[in-house]
Protein backbone atom coordinates (compact mmCIF):
# COMPACT_ATOMS: atom_id res chain seq x y z
CA MET A 1 -91.16 17.81 17.07
CA GLN A 2 -93.46 19.12 14.29
CA TRP A 3 -97.05 18.02 14.74
CA MET A 4 -99.47 18.05 11.79
CA ASP A 5 -102.71 16.36 10.76
CA ARG A 6 -102.31 13.24 8.67
CA ALA A 7 -104.78 14.71 6.21
CA GLU A 8 -102.24 17.44 5.43
CA MET A 9 -99.51 14.92 4.67
CA GLY A 10 -98.63 13.73 1.24
CA GLU A 11 -98.08 10.13 0.26
CA GLU A 12 -94.41 10.31 1.19
CA GLU A 13 -95.19 11.26 4.79
CA GLU A 14 -98.05 8.77 5.06
CA GLU A 15 -95.65 5.96 4.28
CA GLU A 16 -93.91 6.81 7.53
CA ILE A 17 -96.85 5.41 9.49
CA SER A 18 -95.64 2.28 11.26
CA LEU A 19 -95.98 0.35 14.47
CA VAL A 20 -92.36 1.01 15.36
CA ARG A 21 -92.70 4.75 14.72
CA GLU A 22 -95.81 5.00 16.86
CA ALA A 23 -94.14 2.99 19.66
CA GLU A 24 -91.20 5.39 19.60
CA LEU A 25 -93.60 8.34 19.65
CA ILE A 26 -95.46 6.99 22.72
CA ASN A 27 -92.16 6.22 24.47
CA ALA A 28 -91.05 9.83 23.93
CA LEU A 29 -94.31 11.06 25.45
CA LEU A 30 -93.79 8.81 28.47
CA SER A 31 -90.39 10.35 29.10
CA SER A 32 -91.50 13.95 28.68
CA SER A 33 -94.63 13.47 30.81
CA TYR A 34 -92.50 13.33 33.95
CA SER A 35 -91.86 17.07 33.59
CA THR A 36 -95.50 17.92 34.37
CA ARG A 37 -96.30 19.74 37.60
CA SER A 38 -100.07 20.13 37.57
CA PHE A 39 -102.60 17.34 38.16
CA PRO A 40 -100.10 14.59 39.19
CA VAL A 41 -102.83 11.96 39.65
CA LYS A 42 -104.21 12.57 36.17
CA TRP A 43 -100.76 12.38 34.64
CA GLN A 44 -99.98 9.16 36.46
CA LEU A 45 -103.10 7.63 34.96
CA ILE A 46 -102.10 8.91 31.52
CA ARG A 47 -98.63 7.39 31.95
CA ASN A 48 -100.22 4.05 32.87
CA LYS A 49 -102.20 4.06 29.65
CA LEU A 50 -99.29 5.25 27.54
CA SER A 51 -97.26 2.38 28.98
CA GLN A 52 -99.97 -0.12 28.01
CA LEU A 53 -100.18 1.30 24.52
CA HIS A 54 -96.40 1.26 24.13
CA SER A 55 -96.21 -2.39 25.18
CA GLY A 56 -98.81 -3.41 22.63
CA LEU A 57 -97.27 -1.44 19.80
CA SER A 58 -93.69 -2.49 20.45
CA ALA A 59 -94.57 -6.17 20.75
CA ALA A 60 -96.60 -6.32 17.53
CA ASP A 61 -95.39 -8.01 14.36
CA GLY A 62 -96.28 -7.35 10.73
CA ASP A 63 -95.33 -3.75 9.88
CA GLY A 64 -95.13 -4.64 6.18
CA ASP A 65 -98.53 -6.15 5.37
CA CYS A 66 -100.34 -4.49 8.24
CA ARG A 67 -99.84 -1.02 6.80
CA LYS A 68 -102.26 -2.07 4.06
CA ASN A 69 -104.95 -2.73 6.64
CA PHE A 70 -107.40 0.16 6.83
CA GLU A 71 -108.32 -0.40 10.49
CA LEU A 72 -104.68 -0.42 11.56
CA ILE A 73 -103.87 2.72 9.55
CA LYS A 74 -106.87 4.46 11.09
CA LEU A 75 -105.74 3.40 14.59
CA LEU A 76 -102.17 4.60 14.05
CA GLN A 77 -103.39 7.93 12.70
CA GLY A 78 -105.58 8.33 15.77
CA ILE A 79 -102.66 7.52 18.06
CA THR A 80 -100.51 10.16 16.34
CA SER A 81 -103.27 12.74 16.71
CA THR A 82 -103.72 11.91 20.40
CA ALA A 83 -99.94 12.01 20.90
CA ARG A 84 -99.86 15.49 19.40
CA ASP A 85 -102.58 16.70 21.77
CA THR A 86 -100.86 15.03 24.70
CA GLN A 87 -97.58 16.74 23.93
CA VAL A 88 -99.34 20.10 23.93
CA LEU A 89 -100.80 19.39 27.38
CA ILE A 90 -97.41 18.22 28.66
CA THR A 91 -95.93 21.58 27.68
CA LEU A 92 -98.77 23.49 29.29
CA CYS A 93 -98.67 21.48 32.52
CA SER A 94 -94.88 21.78 32.72
CA ASP A 95 -94.75 25.57 32.95
CA GLU A 96 -98.32 26.09 34.26
CA SER A 97 -98.97 28.65 31.50
CA TYR A 98 -102.38 27.33 30.48
CA SER A 99 -104.71 30.28 30.02
CA GLY A 100 -108.01 28.49 29.79
CA GLY A 101 -108.35 27.76 33.50
CA LYS A 102 -107.83 24.63 35.55
CA LEU A 103 -111.32 23.25 35.00
CA LEU A 104 -110.85 23.29 31.23
CA LEU A 105 -107.37 21.78 31.57
CA ARG A 106 -108.77 18.99 33.74
CA SER A 107 -111.41 18.36 31.08
CA ASP A 108 -108.76 18.21 28.34
CA LEU A 109 -106.78 15.65 30.36
CA ASP A 110 -109.92 13.52 30.76
CA VAL A 111 -110.40 13.62 26.99
CA ILE A 112 -106.83 12.34 26.50
CA ILE A 113 -107.46 9.51 28.97
CA THR A 114 -110.63 8.52 27.10
CA LYS A 115 -108.83 8.59 23.72
CA LEU A 116 -106.00 6.43 25.06
CA ASP A 117 -108.56 3.90 26.32
CA ILE A 118 -110.10 3.80 22.84
CA HIS A 119 -106.69 3.21 21.24
CA ILE A 120 -105.83 0.44 23.73
CA ASN A 121 -109.15 -1.31 23.08
CA GLY A 122 -108.69 -0.88 19.32
CA LEU A 123 -105.23 -2.40 19.46
CA SER A 124 -106.57 -5.30 21.56
CA SER A 125 -109.29 -5.92 18.94
CA LEU A 126 -106.69 -6.06 16.17
CA TYR A 127 -104.74 -8.66 18.15
CA ALA A 128 -107.92 -10.66 18.67
CA SER A 129 -108.77 -10.52 14.96
CA GLY A 130 -105.35 -11.84 13.98
CA VAL A 131 -104.29 -8.71 12.09
CA LEU A 132 -101.50 -8.29 14.65
CA THR A 133 -99.40 -11.04 16.17
CA GLN A 134 -96.60 -11.00 18.70
CA ALA A 135 -93.20 -10.06 17.40
CA ARG A 136 -90.01 -11.59 18.61
CA ALA A 137 -90.31 -8.55 20.63
CA ILE A 138 -89.05 -5.49 22.19
CA VAL A 139 -89.31 -6.50 25.83
CA VAL A 140 -88.51 -4.29 28.78
CA SER A 141 -85.70 -5.90 30.76
CA LYS A 142 -86.42 -7.03 34.30
CA PRO A 143 -84.90 -4.59 36.81
CA GLY A 144 -81.85 -5.89 38.64
CA ALA A 145 -81.34 -6.17 42.38
CA GLY A 146 -81.58 -2.81 44.09
CA ALA A 147 -83.58 -1.23 41.26
CA SER A 148 -85.57 1.91 42.00
CA ARG A 149 -89.29 1.66 42.65
CA GLU A 150 -89.95 3.61 39.45
CA ASP A 151 -88.01 1.06 37.37
CA MET A 152 -89.92 -1.75 39.05
CA ARG A 153 -93.21 0.02 38.40
CA PHE A 154 -92.37 0.57 34.74
CA TYR A 155 -91.54 -3.12 34.30
CA VAL A 156 -94.83 -4.19 35.93
CA LYS A 157 -96.77 -1.76 33.73
CA ASP A 158 -95.13 -3.23 30.65
CA LEU A 159 -96.14 -6.73 31.74
CA PHE A 160 -99.71 -5.70 32.42
CA GLY A 161 -99.85 -3.91 29.08
CA ARG A 162 -99.00 -7.22 27.42
CA LEU A 163 -101.62 -8.99 29.51
CA LYS A 164 -104.29 -6.57 28.35
CA ILE A 165 -103.64 -6.48 24.63
CA GLY A 166 -101.36 -9.40 23.85
CA ASP A 167 -102.16 -12.70 22.19
CA SER A 168 -102.06 -15.95 24.16
CA LYS A 169 -98.34 -16.49 23.70
CA MET A 170 -97.55 -12.96 24.82
CA ARG A 171 -99.82 -13.29 27.84
CA ILE A 172 -98.31 -16.61 28.91
CA GLU A 173 -94.80 -15.15 28.78
CA ALA A 174 -95.89 -12.00 30.62
CA LEU A 175 -97.67 -14.02 33.32
CA ALA A 176 -94.63 -16.25 33.82
CA SER A 177 -92.43 -13.17 34.22
CA LEU A 178 -94.98 -11.65 36.59
CA SER A 179 -95.07 -14.75 38.80
CA GLU A 180 -91.29 -14.75 38.90
CA ILE A 181 -91.01 -11.19 40.19
CA LEU A 182 -93.96 -11.60 42.60
CA ASN A 183 -92.09 -14.52 44.16
CA GLU A 184 -88.83 -12.60 44.33
CA ASP A 185 -89.90 -9.33 45.94
CA GLU A 186 -93.10 -8.44 47.79
CA ARG A 187 -92.80 -4.85 46.55
CA TYR A 188 -93.86 -6.09 43.12
CA VAL A 189 -97.05 -7.47 44.67
CA LYS A 190 -98.02 -4.03 45.93
CA ILE A 191 -97.14 -2.42 42.61
CA ALA A 192 -99.33 -4.97 40.83
CA ALA A 193 -102.17 -4.16 43.22
CA ASP A 194 -101.84 -0.47 42.40
CA GLU A 195 -101.64 -1.02 38.63
CA GLY A 196 -103.97 1.37 36.71
CA SER A 197 -107.56 -0.04 36.15
CA GLY A 198 -106.92 -2.78 38.72
CA GLY A 199 -103.99 -5.13 38.27
CA TYR A 200 -105.59 -7.91 40.29
CA SER A 201 -108.79 -7.64 38.26
CA ILE A 202 -106.78 -8.31 35.11
CA LEU A 203 -105.38 -11.50 36.63
CA VAL A 204 -108.83 -12.58 37.80
CA ASN A 205 -110.23 -12.10 34.29
CA LEU A 206 -107.40 -14.18 32.82
CA LEU A 207 -108.42 -17.10 35.05
CA GLU A 208 -111.42 -17.40 32.74
CA ASN A 209 -109.36 -17.25 29.55
CA GLU A 210 -110.07 -20.08 27.13
CA ASP A 211 -106.39 -20.73 26.50
CA MET A 212 -105.22 -23.40 28.97
CA GLY A 213 -101.71 -21.99 29.17
CA VAL A 214 -102.97 -18.52 30.07
CA GLN A 215 -105.26 -20.02 32.70
CA GLU A 216 -102.39 -22.02 34.23
CA GLU A 217 -100.04 -19.04 34.44
CA ALA A 218 -102.78 -16.75 35.77
CA SER A 219 -103.52 -19.34 38.47
CA GLU A 220 -99.86 -19.34 39.45
CA ALA A 221 -99.71 -15.54 39.75
CA VAL A 222 -102.89 -15.49 41.82
CA SER A 223 -101.52 -18.27 44.02
CA VAL A 224 -98.36 -16.27 44.75
CA ILE A 225 -100.38 -13.21 45.76
CA ALA A 226 -102.84 -15.26 47.83
CA GLY A 227 -99.91 -16.61 49.81
CA LEU A 228 -99.33 -13.13 51.25
CA ASP A 229 -101.83 -12.28 53.96
CA SER A 230 -101.77 -8.52 53.32
CA TYR A 231 -103.07 -8.87 49.75
CA ARG A 232 -105.68 -11.63 50.00
CA GLY A 233 -108.47 -9.18 50.66
CA SER A 234 -107.69 -7.29 47.46
CA LEU A 235 -107.93 -10.50 45.45
CA VAL A 236 -111.30 -11.32 46.99
CA VAL A 237 -112.58 -7.80 46.27
CA ALA A 238 -111.43 -8.27 42.67
CA GLY A 239 -113.74 -11.31 42.47
CA VAL A 240 -111.20 -14.12 42.45
CA ILE A 241 -113.19 -16.84 44.23
CA ALA A 242 -115.72 -17.75 41.52
CA PRO A 243 -113.11 -17.99 38.71
CA LEU A 244 -110.82 -20.08 40.93
CA ILE A 245 -113.62 -22.55 41.60
CA GLN A 246 -114.35 -22.69 37.88
CA VAL A 247 -110.70 -23.57 37.26
CA LEU A 248 -110.98 -26.29 39.92
CA GLU A 249 -113.96 -27.75 38.07
CA ILE A 250 -112.81 -27.64 34.44
CA GLY A 251 -109.16 -26.56 34.37
CA SER A 252 -106.10 -28.61 33.47
CA SER A 253 -104.35 -30.63 36.18
CA LEU A 254 -101.67 -27.95 36.60
CA ALA A 255 -104.21 -25.12 36.69
CA LYS A 256 -106.24 -27.02 39.31
CA GLU A 257 -103.19 -27.53 41.52
CA ARG A 258 -102.33 -23.84 41.38
CA ALA A 259 -105.93 -22.71 41.89
CA ALA A 260 -106.37 -25.07 44.85
CA LYS A 261 -103.19 -23.74 46.42
CA ALA A 262 -104.52 -20.19 46.05
CA MET A 263 -107.88 -21.20 47.50
CA LYS A 264 -106.18 -22.86 50.46
CA SER A 265 -104.44 -19.58 51.27
CA LEU A 266 -107.61 -17.52 50.79
CA THR A 267 -109.69 -19.71 53.11
CA GLU A 268 -107.24 -19.27 55.96
CA ASN A 269 -109.33 -16.15 56.50
CA ALA A 270 -112.68 -17.38 57.85
CA ASP A 271 -114.43 -14.35 56.32
CA ASN A 272 -114.07 -15.92 52.88
CA ALA A 273 -115.68 -19.24 53.87
CA TRP A 274 -119.24 -18.32 52.97
CA SER A 275 -118.22 -16.93 49.59
CA VAL A 276 -116.40 -20.17 48.74
CA CYS A 277 -119.40 -22.23 49.84
CA ALA A 278 -121.86 -20.02 47.93
CA HIS A 279 -119.94 -20.51 44.67
CA GLY A 280 -119.95 -24.30 44.94
CA GLY A 281 -116.53 -24.65 46.54
CA VAL A 282 -117.51 -27.51 48.85
CA THR A 283 -118.78 -29.67 46.01
CA ALA A 284 -115.69 -28.92 43.91
CA MET A 285 -113.30 -29.83 46.74
CA LEU A 286 -115.08 -33.08 47.60
CA LYS A 287 -115.06 -34.06 43.93
CA ILE A 288 -111.30 -33.50 43.79
CA CYS A 289 -110.76 -35.65 46.88
CA SER A 290 -112.90 -38.48 45.49
CA ASP A 291 -111.29 -38.43 42.03
CA ARG A 292 -108.60 -41.10 41.74
CA ASP A 293 -106.89 -39.07 39.02
CA SER A 294 -106.33 -36.09 41.32
CA SER A 295 -102.68 -35.54 42.15
CA ALA A 296 -101.48 -35.76 45.75
CA GLU A 297 -100.66 -32.04 45.75
CA LEU A 298 -104.16 -31.18 44.54
CA VAL A 299 -105.80 -33.40 47.16
CA CYS A 300 -103.71 -31.88 49.94
CA SER A 301 -104.72 -28.35 48.98
CA ALA A 302 -108.40 -29.33 48.64
CA CYS A 303 -108.29 -30.95 52.08
CA GLY A 304 -106.74 -27.80 53.47
CA VAL A 305 -109.60 -25.75 52.06
CA LEU A 306 -112.24 -28.07 53.51
CA LYS A 307 -110.58 -28.08 56.93
CA SER A 308 -110.64 -24.29 56.94
CA LEU A 309 -114.30 -24.25 55.90
CA CYS A 310 -115.10 -26.56 58.80
CA GLY A 311 -114.29 -23.66 61.09
CA VAL A 312 -117.85 -22.45 60.37
CA ASP A 313 -120.30 -24.84 62.04
CA GLU A 314 -123.04 -24.45 59.44
CA ILE A 315 -120.63 -25.14 56.59
CA LYS A 316 -119.13 -28.08 58.49
CA LYS A 317 -122.60 -29.58 58.77
CA PHE A 318 -123.15 -29.06 55.04
CA ILE A 319 -119.81 -30.72 54.24
CA VAL A 320 -120.84 -33.79 56.24
CA GLU A 321 -124.26 -33.86 54.55
CA GLU A 322 -122.51 -33.80 51.17
CA GLY A 323 -120.86 -37.14 51.98
CA ALA A 324 -117.48 -36.10 53.36
CA VAL A 325 -117.16 -39.10 55.69
CA ASP A 326 -117.51 -41.55 52.79
CA VAL A 327 -115.13 -39.55 50.59
CA PHE A 328 -112.38 -39.40 53.20
CA THR A 329 -112.88 -42.97 54.38
CA LYS A 330 -112.08 -44.05 50.81
CA LEU A 331 -109.14 -41.65 50.74
CA LEU A 332 -107.58 -43.68 53.58
CA ARG A 333 -107.05 -46.45 50.99
CA SER A 334 -105.07 -44.17 48.68
CA LYS A 335 -101.67 -45.40 47.48
CA GLU A 336 -100.24 -41.98 48.34
CA GLU A 337 -99.40 -41.74 52.03
CA VAL A 338 -99.76 -37.97 51.99
CA CYS A 339 -103.39 -38.42 50.89
CA GLN A 340 -103.96 -40.95 53.66
CA ILE A 341 -102.63 -38.43 56.19
CA GLN A 342 -104.97 -35.79 54.82
CA GLY A 343 -107.88 -38.21 55.14
CA ILE A 344 -107.02 -39.00 58.75
CA GLU A 345 -106.63 -35.35 59.69
CA PHE A 346 -109.84 -34.28 57.98
CA LEU A 347 -111.95 -37.01 59.56
CA THR A 348 -110.54 -35.97 62.90
CA THR A 349 -111.42 -32.33 62.21
CA ILE A 350 -115.06 -32.97 61.37
CA ALA A 351 -115.61 -35.55 64.13
CA CYS A 352 -113.96 -33.59 66.96
CA ASP A 353 -116.57 -32.73 69.63
CA GLU A 354 -119.29 -34.17 67.40
CA PRO A 355 -120.58 -37.44 68.94
CA ALA A 356 -122.91 -38.20 66.02
CA ILE A 357 -120.10 -37.87 63.48
CA GLN A 358 -117.73 -39.85 65.70
CA GLN A 359 -120.27 -42.66 65.80
CA LYS A 360 -120.55 -42.62 62.00
CA VAL A 361 -116.76 -42.71 61.68
CA VAL A 362 -116.59 -45.70 64.02
CA GLN A 363 -119.33 -47.48 62.08
CA GLU A 364 -117.36 -47.02 58.87
CA ARG A 365 -114.49 -48.97 60.50
CA VAL A 366 -112.24 -45.94 60.25
CA VAL A 367 -110.72 -46.79 63.64
CA GLU A 368 -109.39 -50.07 62.29
CA SER A 369 -107.87 -48.19 59.35
CA PHE A 370 -106.03 -45.90 61.76
CA VAL A 371 -104.72 -48.89 63.72
CA ARG A 372 -103.42 -50.50 60.52
CA VAL A 373 -101.27 -47.41 59.99
CA LEU A 374 -99.60 -48.28 63.32
CA ASP A 375 -98.63 -51.76 62.18
CA PRO A 376 -94.82 -51.95 62.69
CA ASN A 377 -94.58 -54.20 59.64
CA SER A 378 -96.23 -51.66 57.36
CA SER A 379 -94.29 -49.12 55.28
CA HIS A 380 -95.90 -46.08 56.86
CA SER A 381 -93.70 -43.21 57.97
CA SER A 382 -93.37 -41.95 61.52
CA LYS A 383 -95.35 -38.86 60.53
CA ALA A 384 -98.32 -40.96 59.38
CA ARG A 385 -98.20 -42.95 62.60
CA GLU A 386 -98.06 -39.82 64.73
CA VAL A 387 -101.10 -38.42 62.92
CA ALA A 388 -102.96 -41.71 63.36
CA LEU A 389 -102.16 -41.81 67.08
CA ARG A 390 -103.37 -38.25 67.63
CA SER A 391 -106.55 -38.93 65.71
CA ILE A 392 -107.26 -42.10 67.66
CA GLU A 393 -106.91 -40.11 70.88
CA VAL A 394 -109.40 -37.51 69.68
CA LEU A 395 -111.94 -39.90 68.21
CA CYS A 396 -111.82 -42.93 70.48
CA PHE A 397 -110.57 -42.26 73.98
CA SER A 398 -113.84 -40.71 75.16
CA SER A 399 -116.05 -43.56 73.96
CA VAL A 400 -116.33 -46.93 75.72
CA ASN A 401 -117.47 -48.60 72.48
CA SER A 402 -114.54 -47.15 70.54
CA MET A 403 -112.07 -48.16 73.26
CA ASN A 404 -113.34 -51.73 73.21
CA ARG A 405 -112.85 -51.84 69.44
CA LEU A 406 -109.39 -50.34 69.80
CA ILE A 407 -108.25 -52.85 72.38
CA GLY A 408 -109.74 -55.68 70.32
CA SER A 409 -107.80 -54.53 67.25
CA GLY A 410 -104.40 -54.81 68.95
CA PHE A 411 -103.96 -51.09 69.49
CA LEU A 412 -102.28 -51.43 72.91
CA ASN A 413 -99.58 -53.75 71.61
CA ARG A 414 -98.75 -51.29 68.86
CA VAL A 415 -98.54 -48.33 71.23
CA LEU A 416 -96.25 -50.38 73.49
CA PHE A 417 -94.06 -51.37 70.54
CA PHE A 418 -93.42 -47.75 69.57
CA LEU A 419 -92.95 -46.79 73.20
CA LYS A 420 -90.05 -49.27 73.26
CA ASN A 421 -88.70 -49.10 69.72
CA GLY A 422 -89.90 -46.05 67.86
CA GLU A 423 -88.03 -43.00 66.65
CA ILE A 424 -88.05 -40.13 69.12
CA SER A 425 -91.07 -38.39 67.59
CA ILE A 426 -93.30 -41.47 67.44
CA GLN A 427 -92.02 -42.63 70.83
CA GLN A 428 -93.16 -39.36 72.36
CA SER A 429 -96.57 -39.68 70.71
CA ALA A 430 -96.90 -43.24 71.97
CA PHE A 431 -95.92 -42.15 75.48
CA LYS A 432 -98.51 -39.38 75.54
CA ALA A 433 -101.15 -41.80 74.29
CA ALA A 434 -100.22 -44.33 77.00
CA CYS A 435 -100.50 -41.66 79.69
CA ARG A 436 -103.96 -40.71 78.49
CA LEU A 437 -105.03 -44.34 78.25
CA SER A 438 -104.04 -44.91 81.87
CA GLY A 439 -106.70 -42.49 83.01
CA ILE A 440 -109.64 -43.75 80.97
CA SER A 441 -111.25 -46.71 82.74
CA GLU A 442 -110.45 -49.64 85.00
CA GLU A 443 -110.84 -52.06 82.10
CA THR A 444 -108.33 -50.12 80.02
CA LYS A 445 -105.88 -50.02 82.95
CA LYS A 446 -106.17 -53.79 83.36
CA ALA A 447 -105.57 -54.30 79.64
CA MET A 448 -102.52 -52.05 79.78
CA GLY A 449 -101.16 -53.96 82.78
CA ASP A 450 -101.64 -57.27 80.98
CA ALA A 451 -99.90 -55.84 77.88
CA GLY A 452 -96.82 -54.84 79.90
CA PHE A 453 -96.94 -51.05 80.12
CA MET A 454 -95.79 -50.66 83.74
CA PRO A 455 -92.09 -51.56 83.20
CA GLU A 456 -91.94 -48.93 80.44
CA LEU A 457 -93.55 -46.32 82.67
CA ILE A 458 -91.00 -47.06 85.40
CA ARG A 459 -88.25 -46.65 82.81
CA MET A 460 -89.73 -43.28 81.86
CA LEU A 461 -89.48 -42.20 85.49
CA GLU A 462 -85.75 -41.99 84.89
CA GLY A 463 -86.14 -39.63 81.96
CA ARG A 464 -84.19 -36.41 81.84
CA SER A 465 -87.24 -34.27 81.14
CA PHE A 466 -89.23 -33.14 84.17
CA GLU A 467 -92.40 -33.23 82.05
CA ILE A 468 -91.81 -36.87 81.08
CA ARG A 469 -91.10 -37.89 84.69
CA GLU A 470 -94.26 -36.18 85.87
CA MET A 471 -96.43 -37.77 83.17
CA ALA A 472 -94.92 -41.20 83.85
CA ALA A 473 -95.52 -40.83 87.59
CA GLU A 474 -99.16 -39.91 87.04
CA ALA A 475 -99.70 -42.80 84.61
CA LEU A 476 -98.06 -45.25 87.01
CA CYS A 477 -100.25 -44.01 89.83
CA ASN A 478 -103.32 -44.58 87.63
CA MET A 479 -102.13 -48.09 86.80
CA VAL A 480 -101.49 -49.27 90.37
CA SER A 481 -104.89 -48.02 91.46
CA VAL A 482 -106.17 -51.31 89.97
CA GLN A 483 -105.57 -54.31 92.23
CA ARG A 484 -104.44 -56.67 89.48
CA ASN A 485 -101.80 -54.19 88.32
CA ARG A 486 -100.76 -53.45 91.87
CA ARG A 487 -100.12 -57.11 92.57
CA ARG A 488 -98.02 -57.39 89.40
CA PHE A 489 -96.10 -54.22 90.28
CA ILE A 490 -95.22 -55.41 93.80
CA GLN A 491 -94.12 -58.85 92.61
CA GLU A 492 -91.39 -57.30 90.47
CA GLU A 493 -88.42 -57.15 92.83
CA HIS A 494 -87.08 -53.62 92.35
CA ASN A 495 -90.22 -51.62 91.48
CA VAL A 496 -91.07 -50.43 94.98
CA SER A 497 -87.46 -49.52 95.79
CA ARG A 498 -87.18 -47.60 92.52
CA VAL A 499 -90.18 -45.45 93.40
CA LEU A 500 -88.82 -44.80 96.90
CA GLN A 501 -85.45 -43.90 95.45
CA LEU A 502 -87.07 -41.21 93.33
CA LEU A 503 -88.57 -39.51 96.39
CA SER A 504 -85.54 -37.27 96.74
CA LEU A 505 -86.06 -33.81 98.10
CA GLU A 506 -84.78 -32.38 94.82
CA GLU A 507 -87.61 -33.87 92.79
CA LYS A 508 -90.37 -31.51 91.66
CA SER A 509 -93.50 -31.52 93.79
CA ALA A 510 -95.96 -32.74 91.12
CA THR A 511 -93.91 -35.84 90.32
CA LYS A 512 -93.41 -36.48 94.03
CA LYS A 513 -97.13 -36.16 94.64
CA PHE A 514 -97.98 -38.87 92.06
CA LEU A 515 -95.27 -41.20 93.37
CA LEU A 516 -96.58 -40.84 96.92
CA SER A 517 -100.11 -41.51 95.68
CA ALA A 518 -98.85 -44.70 94.02
CA LEU A 519 -97.21 -45.78 97.30
CA ILE A 520 -100.47 -45.20 99.16
CA TYR A 521 -102.12 -47.72 96.83
CA ILE A 522 -99.21 -50.13 97.39
CA THR A 523 -99.62 -49.99 101.18
CA ASP A 524 -103.08 -51.50 100.76
CA SER A 525 -101.39 -54.94 100.60
CA ASN A 526 -99.21 -56.64 103.20
CA SER A 527 -96.59 -57.53 100.61
CA GLY A 528 -96.47 -53.91 99.46
CA ARG A 529 -95.93 -52.63 103.00
CA ARG A 530 -93.17 -55.19 103.59
CA LYS A 531 -91.41 -54.15 100.37
CA ILE A 532 -91.46 -50.51 101.47
CA VAL A 533 -90.17 -51.18 104.96
CA SER A 534 -87.37 -53.45 103.73
CA SER A 535 -86.10 -51.01 101.12
CA LYS A 536 -82.93 -49.06 101.87
CA TYR A 537 -84.60 -46.03 100.27
CA VAL A 538 -87.36 -45.85 102.89
CA LYS A 539 -85.29 -43.03 104.42
CA HIS A 540 -86.54 -40.73 101.62
CA LEU A 541 -90.04 -41.39 102.84
CA GLU A 542 -89.02 -40.66 106.42
CA LYS A 543 -87.47 -37.31 105.45
CA LEU A 544 -90.63 -36.26 103.67
CA ALA A 545 -92.68 -37.21 106.70
CA GLU A 546 -90.36 -35.16 108.88
CA THR A 547 -91.01 -32.13 106.68
CA ASN A 548 -94.78 -32.60 107.18
CA VAL A 549 -95.60 -33.84 103.66
CA ALA A 550 -99.14 -35.11 104.26
CA ASP A 551 -99.08 -38.14 101.93
CA ALA A 552 -95.71 -39.27 103.31
CA LYS A 553 -97.04 -39.13 106.87
CA LYS A 554 -100.13 -41.02 105.73
CA ILE A 555 -97.98 -43.82 104.31
CA ILE A 556 -95.86 -44.02 107.47
CA LYS A 557 -98.98 -44.36 109.58
CA LYS A 558 -100.20 -47.21 107.39
CA LEU A 559 -96.83 -48.89 107.79
CA ALA A 560 -96.74 -48.42 111.59
CA GLY A 561 -97.91 -51.77 112.87
CA ASN A 562 -96.82 -53.08 116.32
CA LYS A 563 -93.72 -54.74 114.90
CA ILE A 564 -92.31 -51.71 113.06
CA ARG A 565 -93.64 -48.75 115.04
CA SER A 566 -90.29 -48.41 116.82
CA LEU A 567 -88.57 -47.79 113.48
CA PHE A 568 -90.37 -44.48 113.11
CA ASN A 569 -90.57 -43.38 116.74
CA GLY A 570 -90.39 -39.61 117.02
CA ILE A 571 -91.12 -38.83 113.40
CA TRP A 572 -94.70 -37.84 114.15
CA ASN A 573 -97.10 -37.69 117.03
CA LEU A 574 -99.84 -40.26 116.83
């Protein structure tokens, strides 16, 4: 190619100046630059900038009228001059014949890099001024499946070139394409991170763009990257937290949803908690959760952020001081069940192991709200009921005052209902809650006995799962430790025999231990002892005593009155 100064050209040559011509010229340089052998890092940087410049030139519209614009003509002339100098350096670095020394060659390459930066900024200014607009466009095609890393890199560079110098429409389209490939293949995420002058920094800057569409698409791209643990740190280093919070405060509904999703991912790393708090993240999240116009998806993400922030005690205290209990108590009345679940889970998170906060939650009648979720006649899902049950366990089971309020609100009847009738998941939650309740206090055990829990616990003793049988045996033992329950248990005809029947040698030791402990309580009454002696399954007890099981021998001794001693003669030495 012949290179000459524009000043030496006549009018005929000058008419050849055009955006298309310059784009072709830059594209030719990109291709030939791969032949260079010296200074590979410098040439990679030059290729990055050539790619940006090519994207801006090839996507521009208005070759006809724009050639009359002095600033554009001056820019294109400068690009041609720089292209000429670049081609000279490509030739020199390809055969390593440069005679001026490596230091001078390095300096010449730095000059080219600086000139390319000036051209890129000049082109961006022309877009901003309206002299250039986006053409219908020469767009680099997305690489297909199995594409080489170089093809993928070239495509990403083209997209970032459009992000840097394009108008709003061009940027929106480029961001949408970027989000698509980031979702498809994690290799694109790394390429974007390595993009010349900081690919992530470009995305972060676009979060602050005045155009709502650009902000929405930038939030989506950031959200995709934040979802990958390996790259979150790079986003934070690029300064993403403050712009994301700004989007959460003043962005569109869609931008807020995407920004909140990104923030939720970022705060999974506790190291980012203080940065989020310092930039007003707590206030922004609480405002979202208290705003009735916030979408369910947005609320869920905001709750996720706040729960993560609660992992730092000082921030958790600040969240409570900012009115979180009131905000989430109101959220329990949301029409969206998913928001109610978030409210329940968050209140549980902040009140766990915090007696003062638990007391405040109880005072706000949150417990009653949880119990209403368990109403069988309500439309709540099993998931919501499971969450409510778990939260009640955490918040109420350790407090006498809370337990009294629970029992007074009909909680036991609802647990028993789901123990009998619920789907498997809620039935299991109800069973675990019943087992825990049985170990709380004598008053709770009495209330459970009156409500009718013991027949269900006996039924659970026949469960296939060893864990369920063991838990049921322990709960039953807790229940019959109370005299009123013991009397009720013995009066039921087959209860004692059923327990004796389960004392088979094959049964696991923990379950057997709890069953024997229950029988010890039963032998405290004459009617209980008579029921044991008259059962055909008493032989299981005898066998255990013969194998020196201490509790079995203890029961036999309690049974061994004058009238029945002969039945067990020889089993042990008195």
